[in-house]
Amino acid sequence: MPYAQIAAAVAIALALAGVADMLTGRRGFFATALVSGVGAVAGWFLAVRVFGVATSQQWLWLAWSGIAAALALGTFFLFRNKR
């Protein structure tokens, strides 16, 4: 299956978004999924293009993607307007 890593990255990002949405009181899954997805893409970009620690065919970039998604969600909830 050539796209197994991408499917795993999407599953990780959606799982992180779901957990973050539940922990913060179910305010909107779409926003958390969007932030988590952008963070996951940023993690892939950093691992593969910027630092070159992995290629897109290796599984190491998934860890970078998950960590970046978690950091993006953390900053999203830290700096969002709470009204």
N, C-alpha and C. Protein backbone atom coordinates (compact mmCIF):
# COMPACT_ATOMS: atom_id res chain seq x y z
N MET A 1 0.85 -1.18 0.00
CA MET A 1 0.00 0.00 0.00
C MET A 1 0.90 1.24 0.00
N PRO A 2 0.92 1.96 -1.10
CA PRO A 2 1.89 3.07 -1.22
C PRO A 2 1.57 4.29 -0.36
N TYR A 3 0.35 4.46 0.04
CA TYR A 3 -0.02 5.65 0.81
C TYR A 3 -0.32 5.34 2.27
N ALA A 4 0.29 4.31 2.79
CA ALA A 4 0.03 3.91 4.18
C ALA A 4 0.51 4.97 5.16
N GLN A 5 1.65 5.59 4.87
CA GLN A 5 2.17 6.62 5.78
C GLN A 5 1.25 7.83 5.81
N ILE A 6 0.73 8.21 4.67
CA ILE A 6 -0.17 9.37 4.61
C ILE A 6 -1.46 9.07 5.36
N ALA A 7 -2.00 7.87 5.17
CA ALA A 7 -3.22 7.49 5.89
C ALA A 7 -2.97 7.46 7.40
N ALA A 8 -1.80 6.98 7.80
CA ALA A 8 -1.47 6.97 9.23
C ALA A 8 -1.32 8.39 9.77
N ALA A 9 -0.72 9.28 8.99
CA ALA A 9 -0.56 10.68 9.44
C ALA A 9 -1.92 11.36 9.58
N VAL A 10 -2.83 11.10 8.66
CA VAL A 10 -4.18 11.66 8.75
C VAL A 10 -4.89 11.11 9.97
N ALA A 11 -4.75 9.82 10.22
CA ALA A 11 -5.39 9.22 11.40
C ALA A 11 -4.83 9.79 12.69
N ILE A 12 -3.52 9.99 12.75
CA ILE A 12 -2.90 10.57 13.94
C ILE A 12 -3.39 12.00 14.15
N ALA A 13 -3.42 12.78 13.08
CA ALA A 13 -3.86 14.18 13.19
C ALA A 13 -5.32 14.26 13.62
N LEU A 14 -6.18 13.42 13.07
CA LEU A 14 -7.58 13.44 13.46
C LEU A 14 -7.78 12.95 14.89
N ALA A 15 -6.98 11.97 15.30
CA ALA A 15 -7.09 11.48 16.67
C ALA A 15 -6.65 12.56 17.66
N LEU A 16 -5.57 13.25 17.35
CA LEU A 16 -5.13 14.35 18.21
C LEU A 16 -6.17 15.46 18.26
N ALA A 17 -6.78 15.75 17.12
CA ALA A 17 -7.82 16.78 17.08
C ALA A 17 -9.03 16.36 17.90
N GLY A 18 -9.41 15.11 17.80
CA GLY A 18 -10.55 14.63 18.58
C GLY A 18 -10.29 14.67 20.07
N VAL A 19 -9.11 14.26 20.48
CA VAL A 19 -8.76 14.30 21.91
C VAL A 19 -8.72 15.74 22.40
N ALA A 20 -8.12 16.63 21.62
CA ALA A 20 -8.03 18.04 22.03
C ALA A 20 -9.43 18.66 22.10
N ASP A 21 -10.29 18.28 21.17
CA ASP A 21 -11.65 18.82 21.18
C ASP A 21 -12.43 18.33 22.39
N MET A 22 -12.25 17.08 22.76
CA MET A 22 -12.94 16.56 23.94
C MET A 22 -12.40 17.17 25.23
N LEU A 23 -11.10 17.36 25.30
CA LEU A 23 -10.50 17.91 26.52
C LEU A 23 -10.87 19.37 26.74
N THR A 24 -11.18 20.08 25.68
CA THR A 24 -11.47 21.51 25.81
C THR A 24 -12.96 21.81 25.82
N GLY A 25 -13.79 20.82 25.84
CA GLY A 25 -15.22 21.07 25.98
C GLY A 25 -16.01 21.07 24.69
N ARG A 26 -15.55 20.38 23.68
CA ARG A 26 -16.29 20.22 22.42
C ARG A 26 -16.72 21.56 21.84
N ARG A 27 -15.79 22.39 21.47
CA ARG A 27 -16.11 23.69 20.92
C ARG A 27 -16.13 23.72 19.40
N GLY A 28 -15.64 22.71 18.76
CA GLY A 28 -15.65 22.68 17.31
C GLY A 28 -14.58 21.76 16.78
N PHE A 29 -15.00 20.63 16.25
CA PHE A 29 -14.03 19.66 15.74
C PHE A 29 -13.36 20.15 14.48
N PHE A 30 -14.06 20.91 13.65
CA PHE A 30 -13.47 21.37 12.39
C PHE A 30 -12.25 22.24 12.63
N ALA A 31 -12.33 23.14 13.59
CA ALA A 31 -11.21 24.04 13.88
C ALA A 31 -10.01 23.26 14.40
N THR A 32 -10.25 22.34 15.32
CA THR A 32 -9.13 21.56 15.84
C THR A 32 -8.54 20.63 14.78
N ALA A 33 -9.40 20.09 13.92
CA ALA A 33 -8.91 19.23 12.84
C ALA A 33 -8.08 20.04 11.84
N LEU A 34 -8.50 21.25 11.56
CA LEU A 34 -7.76 22.11 10.65
C LEU A 34 -6.39 22.47 11.22
N VAL A 35 -6.36 22.85 12.48
CA VAL A 35 -5.09 23.20 13.13
C VAL A 35 -4.17 21.98 13.21
N SER A 36 -4.72 20.85 13.56
CA SER A 36 -3.94 19.62 13.65
C SER A 36 -3.40 19.21 12.28
N GLY A 37 -4.21 19.33 11.26
CA GLY A 37 -3.77 18.99 9.91
C GLY A 37 -2.66 19.90 9.41
N VAL A 38 -2.79 21.19 9.67
CA VAL A 38 -1.74 22.13 9.27
C VAL A 38 -0.46 21.84 10.04
N GLY A 39 -0.58 21.53 11.31
CA GLY A 39 0.59 21.16 12.10
C GLY A 39 1.25 19.89 11.60
N ALA A 40 0.45 18.92 11.19
CA ALA A 40 0.99 17.67 10.66
C ALA A 40 1.74 17.90 9.36
N VAL A 41 1.20 18.73 8.50
CA VAL A 41 1.89 19.06 7.24
C VAL A 41 3.19 19.82 7.53
N ALA A 42 3.15 20.70 8.52
CA ALA A 42 4.36 21.42 8.90
C ALA A 42 5.42 20.46 9.45
N GLY A 43 5.00 19.47 10.22
CA GLY A 43 5.93 18.48 10.73
C GLY A 43 6.57 17.66 9.62
N TRP A 44 5.76 17.27 8.63
CA TRP A 44 6.31 16.57 7.47
C TRP A 44 7.32 17.45 6.75
N PHE A 45 6.97 18.72 6.54
CA PHE A 45 7.85 19.64 5.83
C PHE A 45 9.18 19.81 6.57
N LEU A 46 9.12 19.94 7.88
CA LEU A 46 10.35 20.10 8.65
C LEU A 46 11.21 18.84 8.59
N ALA A 47 10.59 17.68 8.72
CA ALA A 47 11.35 16.43 8.74
C ALA A 47 11.94 16.09 7.38
N VAL A 48 11.18 16.28 6.33
CA VAL A 48 11.61 15.82 5.01
C VAL A 48 12.36 16.91 4.25
N ARG A 49 11.85 18.11 4.23
CA ARG A 49 12.44 19.16 3.40
C ARG A 49 13.48 20.02 4.09
N VAL A 50 13.24 20.39 5.34
CA VAL A 50 14.14 21.33 6.00
C VAL A 50 15.34 20.62 6.60
N PHE A 51 15.10 19.66 7.49
CA PHE A 51 16.20 19.01 8.19
C PHE A 51 16.70 17.75 7.50
N GLY A 52 15.89 17.13 6.67
CA GLY A 52 16.30 15.94 5.93
C GLY A 52 16.59 14.73 6.81
N VAL A 53 15.87 14.57 7.90
CA VAL A 53 16.09 13.42 8.78
C VAL A 53 15.38 12.17 8.27
N ALA A 54 14.46 12.33 7.33
CA ALA A 54 13.73 11.18 6.79
C ALA A 54 13.30 11.49 5.37
N THR A 55 12.88 10.46 4.68
CA THR A 55 12.27 10.65 3.36
C THR A 55 10.78 10.36 3.50
N SER A 56 10.04 10.63 2.46
CA SER A 56 8.59 10.40 2.52
C SER A 56 8.25 8.91 2.53
N GLN A 57 9.20 8.05 2.18
CA GLN A 57 8.94 6.61 2.19
C GLN A 57 9.28 5.98 3.54
N GLN A 58 9.90 6.71 4.45
CA GLN A 58 10.22 6.18 5.76
C GLN A 58 9.10 6.54 6.74
N TRP A 59 9.10 5.87 7.88
CA TRP A 59 8.06 6.09 8.88
C TRP A 59 8.46 7.11 9.94
N LEU A 60 9.70 7.57 9.94
CA LEU A 60 10.18 8.50 10.95
C LEU A 60 9.46 9.85 10.90
N TRP A 61 9.07 10.28 9.72
CA TRP A 61 8.42 11.59 9.62
C TRP A 61 7.06 11.62 10.30
N LEU A 62 6.48 10.46 10.57
CA LEU A 62 5.19 10.43 11.28
C LEU A 62 5.33 10.95 12.71
N ALA A 63 6.45 10.66 13.33
CA ALA A 63 6.67 11.18 14.69
C ALA A 63 6.78 12.69 14.65
N TRP A 64 7.52 13.22 13.67
CA TRP A 64 7.64 14.66 13.52
C TRP A 64 6.27 15.28 13.24
N SER A 65 5.50 14.62 12.43
CA SER A 65 4.17 15.12 12.08
C SER A 65 3.25 15.15 13.30
N GLY A 66 3.27 14.10 14.10
CA GLY A 66 2.44 14.06 15.30
C GLY A 66 2.86 15.08 16.34
N ILE A 67 4.17 15.24 16.53
CA ILE A 67 4.66 16.23 17.49
C ILE A 67 4.30 17.64 17.05
N ALA A 68 4.45 17.92 15.76
CA ALA A 68 4.11 19.25 15.25
C ALA A 68 2.61 19.51 15.35
N ALA A 69 1.78 18.50 15.12
CA ALA A 69 0.34 18.67 15.27
C ALA A 69 -0.03 18.94 16.72
N ALA A 70 0.61 18.25 17.65
CA ALA A 70 0.35 18.49 19.07
C ALA A 70 0.79 19.89 19.48
N LEU A 71 1.94 20.34 18.99
CA LEU A 71 2.40 21.69 19.29
C LEU A 71 1.48 22.75 18.69
N ALA A 72 0.99 22.50 17.49
CA ALA A 72 0.06 23.44 16.86
C ALA A 72 -1.24 23.53 17.65
N LEU A 73 -1.74 22.40 18.11
CA LEU A 73 -2.96 22.41 18.92
C LEU A 73 -2.73 23.12 20.25
N GLY A 74 -1.56 22.90 20.84
CA GLY A 74 -1.25 23.58 22.09
C GLY A 74 -1.20 25.09 21.93
N THR A 75 -0.57 25.56 20.88
CA THR A 75 -0.51 27.01 20.65
C THR A 75 -1.87 27.56 20.25
N PHE A 76 -2.66 26.76 19.56
CA PHE A 76 -4.00 27.20 19.18
C PHE A 76 -4.85 27.47 20.42
N PHE A 77 -4.82 26.54 21.37
CA PHE A 77 -5.62 26.72 22.57
C PHE A 77 -5.01 27.74 23.53
N LEU A 78 -3.72 27.98 23.42
CA LEU A 78 -3.08 28.97 24.26
C LEU A 78 -3.41 30.40 23.82
N PHE A 79 -3.48 30.62 22.52
CA PHE A 79 -3.63 31.97 22.00
C PHE A 79 -5.01 32.30 21.42
N ARG A 80 -5.94 31.37 21.45
CA ARG A 80 -7.24 31.68 20.86
C ARG A 80 -8.04 32.62 21.77
N ASN A 81 -8.97 33.32 21.19
CA ASN A 81 -9.81 34.27 21.93
C ASN A 81 -10.89 33.48 22.67
N LYS A 82 -11.00 33.70 23.97
CA LYS A 82 -11.97 32.95 24.76
C LYS A 82 -13.25 33.72 25.03
N ARG A 83 -13.30 34.96 24.72
CA ARG A 83 -14.48 35.82 24.88
C ARG A 83 -15.09 35.66 26.21
